[in-house]
PDB file of N, CA and C in Angstrom:
ATOM      1  N   MET A   1       0.844  -1.193   0.000  1.00  0.00           N
ATOM      2  CA  MET A   1       0.000   0.000   0.000  1.00  0.00           C
ATOM      3  C   MET A   1       0.881   1.244   0.000  1.00  0.00           C
ATOM      4  N   SER A   2       0.424   2.259  -0.702  1.00  0.00           N
ATOM      5  CA  SER A   2       1.192   3.494  -0.731  1.00  0.00           C
ATOM      6  C   SER A   2       0.526   4.543   0.149  1.00  0.00           C
ATOM      7  N   SER A   3       1.339   5.361   0.790  1.00  0.00           N
ATOM      8  CA  SER A   3       0.842   6.419   1.662  1.00  0.00           C
ATOM      9  C   SER A   3       0.682   7.710   0.866  1.00  0.00           C
ATOM     10  N   GLN A   4      -0.366   8.434   1.159  1.00  0.00           N
ATOM     11  CA  GLN A   4      -0.667   9.676   0.442  1.00  0.00           C
ATOM     12  C   GLN A   4      -1.317  10.652   1.416  1.00  0.00           C
ATOM     13  N   THR A   5      -1.159  11.941   1.163  1.00  0.00           N
ATOM     14  CA  THR A   5      -1.828  12.953   1.974  1.00  0.00           C
ATOM     15  C   THR A   5      -3.236  13.176   1.440  1.00  0.00           C
ATOM     16  N   ILE A   6      -4.220  13.069   2.350  1.00  0.00           N
ATOM     17  CA  ILE A   6      -5.600  13.447   2.055  1.00  0.00           C
ATOM     18  C   ILE A   6      -6.001  14.449   3.132  1.00  0.00           C
ATOM     19  N   TYR A   7      -7.170  15.022   3.016  1.00  0.00           N
ATOM     20  CA  TYR A   7      -7.620  16.036   3.965  1.00  0.00           C
ATOM     21  C   TYR A   7      -8.892  15.580   4.655  1.00  0.00           C
ATOM     22  N   VAL A   8      -8.943  15.797   5.969  1.00  0.00           N
ATOM     23  CA  VAL A   8     -10.100  15.452   6.786  1.00  0.00           C
ATOM     24  C   VAL A   8     -10.648  16.742   7.390  1.00  0.00           C
ATOM     25  N   SER A   9     -11.947  16.870   7.384  1.00  0.00           N
ATOM     26  CA  SER A   9     -12.600  18.041   7.965  1.00  0.00           C
ATOM     27  C   SER A   9     -12.463  18.026   9.481  1.00  0.00           C
ATOM     28  N   LEU A  10     -12.118  19.195  10.043  1.00  0.00           N
ATOM     29  CA  LEU A  10     -12.104  19.334  11.497  1.00  0.00           C
ATOM     30  C   LEU A  10     -13.489  19.798  11.946  1.00  0.00           C
ATOM     31  N   LEU A  11     -13.982  19.212  13.017  1.00  0.00           N
ATOM     32  CA  LEU A  11     -15.302  19.549  13.545  1.00  0.00           C
ATOM     33  C   LEU A  11     -15.206  20.629  14.612  1.00  0.00           C
ATOM     34  N   ASN A  12     -16.290  21.358  14.801  1.00  0.00           N
ATOM     35  CA  ASN A  12     -16.416  22.365  15.865  1.00  0.00           C
ATOM     36  C   ASN A  12     -15.392  23.491  15.765  1.00  0.00           C
ATOM     37  N   GLU A  13     -15.072  23.905  14.541  1.00  0.00           N
ATOM     38  CA  GLU A  13     -14.105  24.979  14.329  1.00  0.00           C
ATOM     39  C   GLU A  13     -14.778  26.319  14.015  1.00  0.00           C
ATOM     40  N   GLY A  14     -16.080  26.311  13.708  1.00  0.00           N
ATOM     41  CA  GLY A  14     -16.783  27.544  13.389  1.00  0.00           C
ATOM     42  C   GLY A  14     -16.691  27.936  11.929  1.00  0.00           C
ATOM     43  N   THR A  15     -15.765  27.340  11.210  1.00  0.00           N
ATOM     44  CA  THR A  15     -15.586  27.567   9.774  1.00  0.00           C
ATOM     45  C   THR A  15     -14.988  26.292   9.187  1.00  0.00           C
ATOM     46  N   ALA A  16     -14.979  26.174   7.879  1.00  0.00           N
ATOM     47  CA  ALA A  16     -14.425  24.975   7.247  1.00  0.00           C
ATOM     48  C   ALA A  16     -12.908  24.944   7.424  1.00  0.00           C
ATOM     49  N   VAL A  17     -12.423  23.893   8.066  1.00  0.00           N
ATOM     50  CA  VAL A  17     -10.990  23.702   8.282  1.00  0.00           C
ATOM     51  C   VAL A  17     -10.652  22.288   7.849  1.00  0.00           C
ATOM     52  N   TRP A  18      -9.618  22.164   7.019  1.00  0.00           N
ATOM     53  CA  TRP A  18      -9.193  20.863   6.506  1.00  0.00           C
ATOM     54  C   TRP A  18      -7.828  20.510   7.071  1.00  0.00           C
ATOM     55  N   LYS A  19      -7.699  19.317   7.622  1.00  0.00           N
ATOM     56  CA  LYS A  19      -6.453  18.827   8.218  1.00  0.00           C
ATOM     57  C   LYS A  19      -5.780  17.853   7.260  1.00  0.00           C
ATOM     58  N   PRO A  20      -4.541  18.108   6.850  1.00  0.00           N
ATOM     59  CA  PRO A  20      -3.835  17.120   6.030  1.00  0.00           C
ATOM     60  C   PRO A  20      -3.436  15.928   6.902  1.00  0.00           C
ATOM     61  N   VAL A  21      -3.758  14.729   6.432  1.00  0.00           N
ATOM     62  CA  VAL A  21      -3.422  13.506   7.160  1.00  0.00           C
ATOM     63  C   VAL A  21      -2.834  12.495   6.190  1.00  0.00           C
ATOM     64  N   GLU A  22      -2.086  11.558   6.715  1.00  0.00           N
ATOM     65  CA  GLU A  22      -1.541  10.473   5.894  1.00  0.00           C
ATOM     66  C   GLU A  22      -2.547   9.330   5.868  1.00  0.00           C
ATOM     67  N   ALA A  23      -2.709   8.751   4.683  1.00  0.00           N
ATOM     68  CA  ALA A  23      -3.627   7.633   4.504  1.00  0.00           C
ATOM     69  C   ALA A  23      -3.017   6.642   3.523  1.00  0.00           C
ATOM     70  N   GLU A  24      -3.343   5.365   3.709  1.00  0.00           N
ATOM     71  CA  GLU A  24      -2.856   4.317   2.812  1.00  0.00           C
ATOM     72  C   GLU A  24      -3.938   4.005   1.793  1.00  0.00           C
ATOM     73  N   ARG A  25      -3.576   4.056   0.532  1.00  0.00           N
ATOM     74  CA  ARG A  25      -4.518   3.770  -0.550  1.00  0.00           C
ATOM     75  C   ARG A  25      -4.636   2.262  -0.732  1.00  0.00           C
ATOM     76  N   SER A  26      -5.863   1.773  -0.792  1.00  0.00           N
ATOM     77  CA  SER A  26      -6.136   0.354  -1.026  1.00  0.00           C
ATOM     78  C   SER A  26      -6.346   0.122  -2.513  1.00  0.00           C
ATOM     79  N   ALA A  27      -6.261  -1.125  -2.918  1.00  0.00           N
ATOM     80  CA  ALA A  27      -6.445  -1.489  -4.322  1.00  0.00           C
ATOM     81  C   ALA A  27      -7.829  -1.099  -4.839  1.00  0.00           C
ATOM     82  N   ASP A  28      -8.827  -1.034  -3.956  1.00  0.00           N
ATOM     83  CA  ASP A  28     -10.194  -0.691  -4.377  1.00  0.00           C
ATOM     84  C   ASP A  28     -10.420   0.820  -4.482  1.00  0.00           C
ATOM     85  N   GLY A  29      -9.365   1.620  -4.266  1.00  0.00           N
ATOM     86  CA  GLY A  29      -9.473   3.071  -4.397  1.00  0.00           C
ATOM     87  C   GLY A  29      -9.869   3.800  -3.125  1.00  0.00           C
ATOM     88  N   THR A  30     -10.121   3.066  -2.051  1.00  0.00           N
ATOM     89  CA  THR A  30     -10.428   3.702  -0.769  1.00  0.00           C
ATOM     90  C   THR A  30      -9.122   3.975  -0.030  1.00  0.00           C
ATOM     91  N   PHE A  31      -9.209   4.730   1.059  1.00  0.00           N
ATOM     92  CA  PHE A  31      -8.043   5.079   1.864  1.00  0.00           C
ATOM     93  C   PHE A  31      -8.299   4.737   3.325  1.00  0.00           C
ATOM     94  N   ARG A  32      -7.264   4.246   4.018  1.00  0.00           N
ATOM     95  CA  ARG A  32      -7.329   4.029   5.467  1.00  0.00           C
ATOM     96  C   ARG A  32      -6.463   5.099   6.116  1.00  0.00           C
ATOM     97  N   ILE A  33      -7.066   5.895   6.998  1.00  0.00           N
ATOM     98  CA  ILE A  33      -6.348   6.983   7.671  1.00  0.00           C
ATOM     99  C   ILE A  33      -5.355   6.387   8.660  1.00  0.00           C
ATOM    100  N   VAL A  34      -4.094   6.786   8.546  1.00  0.00           N
ATOM    101  CA  VAL A  34      -3.056   6.253   9.431  1.00  0.00           C
ATOM    102  C   VAL A  34      -2.499   7.301  10.390  1.00  0.00           C
ATOM    103  N   SER A  35      -2.730   8.580  10.136  1.00  0.00           N
ATOM    104  CA  SER A  35      -2.277   9.624  11.067  1.00  0.00           C
ATOM    105  C   SER A  35      -3.065   9.522  12.371  1.00  0.00           C
ATOM    106  N   GLU A  36      -2.447   9.972  13.452  1.00  0.00           N
ATOM    107  CA  GLU A  36      -3.098   9.997  14.761  1.00  0.00           C
ATOM    108  C   GLU A  36      -3.671  11.383  15.034  1.00  0.00           C
ATOM    109  N   MET A  37      -4.894  11.420  15.536  1.00  0.00           N
ATOM    110  CA  MET A  37      -5.555  12.687  15.861  1.00  0.00           C
ATOM    111  C   MET A  37      -4.930  13.294  17.118  1.00  0.00           C
ATOM    112  N   LEU A  38      -4.685  14.595  17.095  1.00  0.00           N
ATOM    113  CA  LEU A  38      -4.171  15.295  18.272  1.00  0.00           C
ATOM    114  C   LEU A  38      -5.271  15.422  19.319  1.00  0.00           C
ATOM    115  N   ALA A  39      -4.892  15.516  20.574  1.00  0.00           N
ATOM    116  CA  ALA A  39      -5.857  15.552  21.675  1.00  0.00           C
ATOM    117  C   ALA A  39      -6.809  16.744  21.591  1.00  0.00           C
ATOM    118  N   ASP A  40      -6.363  17.858  21.036  1.00  0.00           N
ATOM    119  CA  ASP A  40      -7.204  19.059  20.987  1.00  0.00           C
ATOM    120  C   ASP A  40      -7.958  19.209  19.665  1.00  0.00           C
ATOM    121  N   GLU A  41      -8.016  18.149  18.851  1.00  0.00           N
ATOM    122  CA  GLU A  41      -8.718  18.193  17.572  1.00  0.00           C
ATOM    123  C   GLU A  41      -9.858  17.175  17.563  1.00  0.00           C
ATOM    124  N   GLU A  42     -10.861  17.448  16.731  1.00  0.00           N
ATOM    125  CA  GLU A  42     -11.941  16.494  16.505  1.00  0.00           C
ATOM    126  C   GLU A  42     -12.118  16.359  15.000  1.00  0.00           C
ATOM    127  N   TRP A  43     -11.779  15.177  14.484  1.00  0.00           N
ATOM    128  CA  TRP A  43     -11.856  14.928  13.052  1.00  0.00           C
ATOM    129  C   TRP A  43     -13.198  14.330  12.674  1.00  0.00           C
ATOM    130  N   ALA A  44     -13.638  14.575  11.446  1.00  0.00           N
ATOM    131  CA  ALA A  44     -14.863  13.956  10.935  1.00  0.00           C
ATOM    132  C   ALA A  44     -14.680  12.449  10.781  1.00  0.00           C
ATOM    133  N   PHE A  45     -13.440  12.010  10.535  1.00  0.00           N
ATOM    134  CA  PHE A  45     -13.108  10.593  10.412  1.00  0.00           C
ATOM    135  C   PHE A  45     -11.881  10.329  11.268  1.00  0.00           C
ATOM    136  N   LYS A  46     -11.851   9.192  11.929  1.00  0.00           N
ATOM    137  CA  LYS A  46     -10.796   8.894  12.891  1.00  0.00           C
ATOM    138  C   LYS A  46      -9.672   8.062  12.277  1.00  0.00           C
ATOM    139  N   SER A  47      -8.564   8.004  12.984  1.00  0.00           N
ATOM    140  CA  SER A  47      -7.446   7.164  12.590  1.00  0.00           C
ATOM    141  C   SER A  47      -7.917   5.716  12.505  1.00  0.00           C
ATOM    142  N   GLY A  48      -7.502   5.031  11.437  1.00  0.00           N
ATOM    143  CA  GLY A  48      -7.880   3.637  11.247  1.00  0.00           C
ATOM    144  C   GLY A  48      -9.126   3.445  10.398  1.00  0.00           C
ATOM    145  N   GLU A  49      -9.917   4.510  10.214  1.00  0.00           N
ATOM    146  CA  GLU A  49     -11.133   4.377   9.418  1.00  0.00           C
ATOM    147  C   GLU A  49     -10.801   4.331   7.931  1.00  0.00           C
ATOM    148  N   LYS A  50     -11.602   3.562   7.207  1.00  0.00           N
ATOM    149  CA  LYS A  50     -11.490   3.451   5.762  1.00  0.00           C
ATOM    150  C   LYS A  50     -12.498   4.426   5.156  1.00  0.00           C
ATOM    151  N   VAL A  51     -12.036   5.275   4.238  1.00  0.00           N
ATOM    152  CA  VAL A  51     -12.889   6.325   3.677  1.00  0.00           C
ATOM    153  C   VAL A  51     -12.804   6.360   2.152  1.00  0.00           C
ATOM    154  N   THR A  52     -13.852   6.914   1.546  1.00  0.00           N
ATOM    155  CA  THR A  52     -13.799   7.260   0.130  1.00  0.00           C
ATOM    156  C   THR A  52     -13.393   8.727   0.073  1.00  0.00           C
ATOM    157  N   VAL A  53     -12.850   9.137  -1.056  1.00  0.00           N
ATOM    158  CA  VAL A  53     -12.390  10.519  -1.201  1.00  0.00           C
ATOM    159  C   VAL A  53     -13.000  11.137  -2.452  1.00  0.00           C
ATOM    160  N   ARG A  54     -12.955  12.460  -2.495  1.00  0.00           N
ATOM    161  CA  ARG A  54     -13.373  13.202  -3.686  1.00  0.00           C
ATOM    162  C   ARG A  54     -12.424  14.373  -3.863  1.00  0.00           C
ATOM    163  N   GLN A  55     -12.323  14.851  -5.074  1.00  0.00           N
ATOM    164  CA  GLN A  55     -11.493  16.024  -5.382  1.00  0.00           C
ATOM    165  C   GLN A  55     -12.192  17.267  -4.825  1.00  0.00           C
ATOM    166  N   HIS A  56     -11.423  18.188  -4.252  1.00  0.00           N
ATOM    167  CA  HIS A  56     -11.988  19.395  -3.649  1.00  0.00           C
ATOM    168  C   HIS A  56     -11.109  20.595  -3.992  1.00  0.00           C
ATOM    169  N   ALA A  57     -11.740  21.719  -4.284  1.00  0.00           N
ATOM    170  CA  ALA A  57     -11.012  22.976  -4.499  1.00  0.00           C
ATOM    171  C   ALA A  57     -11.090  23.789  -3.208  1.00  0.00           C
ATOM    172  N   PHE A  58      -9.945  24.073  -2.620  1.00  0.00           N
ATOM    173  CA  PHE A  58      -9.879  24.827  -1.369  1.00  0.00           C
ATOM    174  C   PHE A  58      -9.963  26.326  -1.650  1.00  0.00           C
ATOM    175  N   SER A  59     -10.208  27.107  -0.610  1.00  0.00           N
ATOM    176  CA  SER A  59     -10.399  28.554  -0.764  1.00  0.00           C
ATOM    177  C   SER A  59      -9.164  29.262  -1.321  1.00  0.00           C
ATOM    178  N   ASP A  60      -7.981  28.650  -1.169  1.00  0.00           N
ATOM    179  CA  ASP A  60      -6.762  29.277  -1.697  1.00  0.00           C
ATOM    180  C   ASP A  60      -6.502  28.917  -3.159  1.00  0.00           C
ATOM    181  N   GLY A  61      -7.442  28.169  -3.769  1.00  0.00           N
ATOM    182  CA  GLY A  61      -7.305  27.786  -5.165  1.00  0.00           C
ATOM    183  C   GLY A  61      -6.632  26.442  -5.384  1.00  0.00           C
ATOM    184  N   GLU A  62      -6.009  25.893  -4.352  1.00  0.00           N
ATOM    185  CA  GLU A  62      -5.384  24.576  -4.454  1.00  0.00           C
ATOM    186  C   GLU A  62      -6.467  23.500  -4.486  1.00  0.00           C
ATOM    187  N   THR A  63      -6.111  22.328  -5.005  1.00  0.00           N
ATOM    188  CA  THR A  63      -7.034  21.201  -5.001  1.00  0.00           C
ATOM    189  C   THR A  63      -6.396  20.023  -4.290  1.00  0.00           C
ATOM    190  N   GLY A  64      -7.217  19.120  -3.788  1.00  0.00           N
ATOM    191  CA  GLY A  64      -6.711  17.932  -3.116  1.00  0.00           C
ATOM    192  C   GLY A  64      -7.833  16.952  -2.881  1.00  0.00           C
ATOM    193  N   LEU A  65      -7.469  15.784  -2.389  1.00  0.00           N
ATOM    194  CA  LEU A  65      -8.450  14.757  -2.073  1.00  0.00           C
ATOM    195  C   LEU A  65      -8.918  14.922  -0.632  1.00  0.00           C
ATOM    196  N   VAL A  66     -10.232  14.964  -0.444  1.00  0.00           N
ATOM    197  CA  VAL A  66     -10.795  15.079   0.898  1.00  0.00           C
ATOM    198  C   VAL A  66     -11.587  13.816   1.223  1.00  0.00           C
ATOM    199  N   ALA A  67     -11.536  13.405   2.491  1.00  0.00           N
ATOM    200  CA  ALA A  67     -12.324  12.266   2.954  1.00  0.00           C
ATOM    201  C   ALA A  67     -13.802  12.654   2.843  1.00  0.00           C
ATOM    202  N   ASP A  68     -14.552  11.836   2.141  1.00  0.00           N
ATOM    203  CA  ASP A  68     -15.946  12.147   1.827  1.00  0.00           C
ATOM    204  C   ASP A  68     -16.932  11.377   2.697  1.00  0.00           C
ATOM    205  N   ARG A  69     -16.681  10.077   2.866  1.00  0.00           N
ATOM    206  CA  ARG A  69     -17.558   9.243   3.703  1.00  0.00           C
ATOM    207  C   ARG A  69     -16.859   7.955   4.072  1.00  0.00           C
ATOM    208  N   ARG A  70     -17.408   7.277   5.078  1.00  0.00           N
ATOM    209  CA  ARG A  70     -16.851   5.993   5.484  1.00  0.00           C
ATOM    210  C   ARG A  70     -17.088   4.978   4.376  1.00  0.00           C
ATOM    211  N   ALA A  71     -16.097   4.140   4.162  1.00  0.00           N
ATOM    212  CA  ALA A  71     -16.208   3.084   3.145  1.00  0.00           C
ATOM    213  C   ALA A  71     -16.549   1.770   3.846  1.00  0.00           C
ATOM    214  N   ALA A  72     -17.135   0.869   3.101  1.00  0.00           N
ATOM    215  CA  ALA A  72     -17.412  -0.463   3.635  1.00  0.00           C
ATOM    216  C   ALA A  72     -16.090  -1.135   3.977  1.00  0.00           C
ATOM    217  N   SER A  73     -16.054  -1.821   5.080  1.00  0.00           N
ATOM    218  CA  SER A  73     -14.801  -2.470   5.537  1.00  0.00           C
ATOM    219  C   SER A  73     -14.421  -3.642   4.700  1.00  0.00           C
TER     220      SER A  73
END
């Protein structure tokens, strides 16, 4: 499996905030989050969860893959 940076939404921030995290890409195109969440953060998806991703355009004009929803295990 190869590791790649994806973005996970931070919860309870008052505005849209995306956290870059490391995830392992599976053969089926899903990703398993391998980064550990910091104690003072709340992620929409937790470490170890398998997620689907979608392309997203951020407010600074950059694009990247964001965790979209939990994938079937």
